[in-house]
Protein backbone atom coordinates (compact mmCIF):
# COMPACT_ATOMS: atom_id res chain seq x y z
CA MET A 1 16.15 6.63 20.11
CA THR A 2 17.79 5.12 17.04
CA SER A 3 15.62 3.23 14.61
CA ILE A 4 16.73 -0.14 13.31
CA PRO A 5 16.82 -0.42 9.50
CA PRO A 6 14.22 -2.83 8.07
CA PRO A 7 16.83 -5.26 6.66
CA ARG A 8 18.32 -5.76 10.14
CA ILE A 9 14.88 -6.37 11.63
CA LEU A 10 14.06 -8.87 8.89
CA ALA A 11 17.34 -10.70 9.53
CA ILE A 12 16.06 -11.30 13.06
CA ASP A 13 12.35 -11.79 12.24
CA SER A 14 11.46 -12.45 8.61
CA THR A 15 7.75 -12.29 9.47
CA HIS A 16 7.81 -8.67 10.69
CA ALA A 17 5.09 -7.14 8.48
CA LEU A 18 5.85 -3.50 9.27
CA ALA A 19 9.55 -4.01 8.49
CA TRP A 20 8.58 -5.50 5.11
CA ASN A 21 6.33 -2.52 4.49
CA ASN A 22 9.08 -0.05 5.44
CA LEU A 23 11.60 -1.85 3.25
CA GLY A 24 9.09 -1.60 0.41
CA THR A 25 8.89 2.15 0.96
CA LEU A 26 12.68 2.39 0.75
CA LYS A 27 12.71 0.34 -2.47
CA GLU A 28 9.88 2.45 -3.92
CA THR A 29 11.67 5.69 -3.06
CA GLY A 30 14.74 4.32 -4.81
CA GLY A 31 12.68 3.63 -7.94
CA ASP A 32 12.72 -0.18 -7.68
CA LEU A 33 8.97 -0.76 -8.05
CA GLU A 34 9.21 -4.52 -8.61
CA SER A 35 11.19 -5.05 -5.38
CA ALA A 36 8.85 -2.68 -3.55
CA LEU A 37 5.85 -4.67 -4.79
CA ARG A 38 7.39 -7.91 -3.47
CA CYS A 39 8.07 -6.27 -0.10
CA TYR A 40 4.48 -5.05 0.19
CA GLU A 41 3.23 -8.51 -0.75
CA ASN A 42 5.37 -10.00 2.04
CA SER A 43 4.02 -7.38 4.43
CA ILE A 44 0.44 -8.34 3.60
CA ARG A 45 1.25 -12.06 3.75
CA HIS A 46 2.53 -11.65 7.30
CA ASP A 47 -0.23 -9.29 8.48
CA SER A 48 -3.38 -9.17 6.39
CA THR A 49 -4.79 -6.42 8.64
CA LEU A 50 -2.00 -3.88 7.96
CA SER A 51 -3.92 -1.42 5.82
CA LYS A 52 -0.86 0.60 4.81
CA GLY A 53 0.50 -2.52 3.09
CA TYR A 54 -2.58 -2.55 0.86
CA VAL A 55 -2.36 1.18 0.19
CA ASN A 56 1.32 0.93 -0.70
CA ARG A 57 0.87 -2.16 -2.89
CA GLY A 58 -2.09 -0.45 -4.54
CA ASN A 59 0.03 2.62 -5.25
CA ILE A 60 2.59 0.46 -7.04
CA ARG A 61 -0.12 -1.32 -9.00
CA PHE A 62 -1.66 2.04 -9.89
CA ALA A 63 1.73 3.25 -11.14
CA LEU A 64 2.07 0.08 -13.22
CA GLY A 65 -1.38 0.64 -14.73
CA GLU A 66 -2.94 -2.35 -12.96
CA MET A 67 -6.15 -0.48 -12.10
CA ALA A 68 -8.35 -3.46 -11.13
CA GLU A 69 -5.71 -4.76 -8.72
CA ALA A 70 -5.07 -1.26 -7.33
CA ARG A 71 -8.81 -0.79 -6.79
CA ARG A 72 -9.03 -4.06 -4.83
CA ASP A 73 -6.08 -3.09 -2.65
CA PHE A 74 -7.50 0.36 -1.89
CA GLN A 75 -10.95 -1.07 -1.17
CA THR A 76 -9.39 -3.52 1.28
CA ALA A 77 -7.47 -0.70 2.97
CA VAL A 78 -10.65 1.39 3.31
CA ARG A 79 -12.52 -1.62 4.72
CA LEU A 80 -9.76 -2.26 7.28
CA ARG A 81 -9.41 1.40 8.32
CA PRO A 82 -12.41 3.45 7.23
CA TRP A 83 -10.91 6.55 8.91
CA ASP A 84 -7.63 6.34 6.93
CA ALA A 85 -7.40 9.43 4.70
CA ASP A 86 -4.56 7.92 2.64
CA ALA A 87 -6.72 4.92 1.73
CA HIS A 88 -9.63 7.15 0.71
CA TYR A 89 -7.37 9.45 -1.29
CA ALA A 90 -5.86 6.45 -3.10
CA MET A 91 -9.33 5.12 -3.87
CA ALA A 92 -10.32 8.58 -5.16
CA ARG A 93 -7.38 8.46 -7.60
CA VAL A 94 -8.78 5.23 -9.07
CA HIS A 95 -12.22 6.85 -9.40
CA ALA A 96 -10.64 9.86 -11.13
CA GLN A 97 -8.62 7.67 -13.49
CA SER A 98 -11.76 5.69 -14.35
CA GLY A 99 -13.92 8.79 -14.90
CA GLU A 100 -16.17 7.92 -11.94
CA THR A 101 -16.90 11.50 -10.92
CA GLU A 102 -19.73 10.81 -8.46
CA SER A 103 -17.73 8.08 -6.71
CA LEU A 104 -14.72 10.40 -6.60
CA ILE A 105 -16.74 13.11 -4.86
CA GLU A 106 -18.22 10.62 -2.38
CA GLU A 107 -14.78 9.19 -1.59
CA LEU A 108 -13.40 12.61 -0.70
CA LYS A 109 -16.29 13.64 1.60
């Protein structure tokens, strides 16, 4: 089965949250963090329950040094999918960056 590139999906359905998220991943991989951030924001706007959108937006915010915003995104992702290891790992990175050793250990349990 051939996958359809996110831009083609979005040309058909501009509200497709997963396509926005996947396009953000492509932009991020290409080093265009600002475009990736906008894609992740569109993803979240169209599906506020898509936890990976919050994790990915949080990763960009973390990379940009926006720790409070990254923390909020990761917390939302953990709340939406408490079993998601990526969300917990991302949250642990914020704890590590902030010197919150006990919280870091709890997050990784």
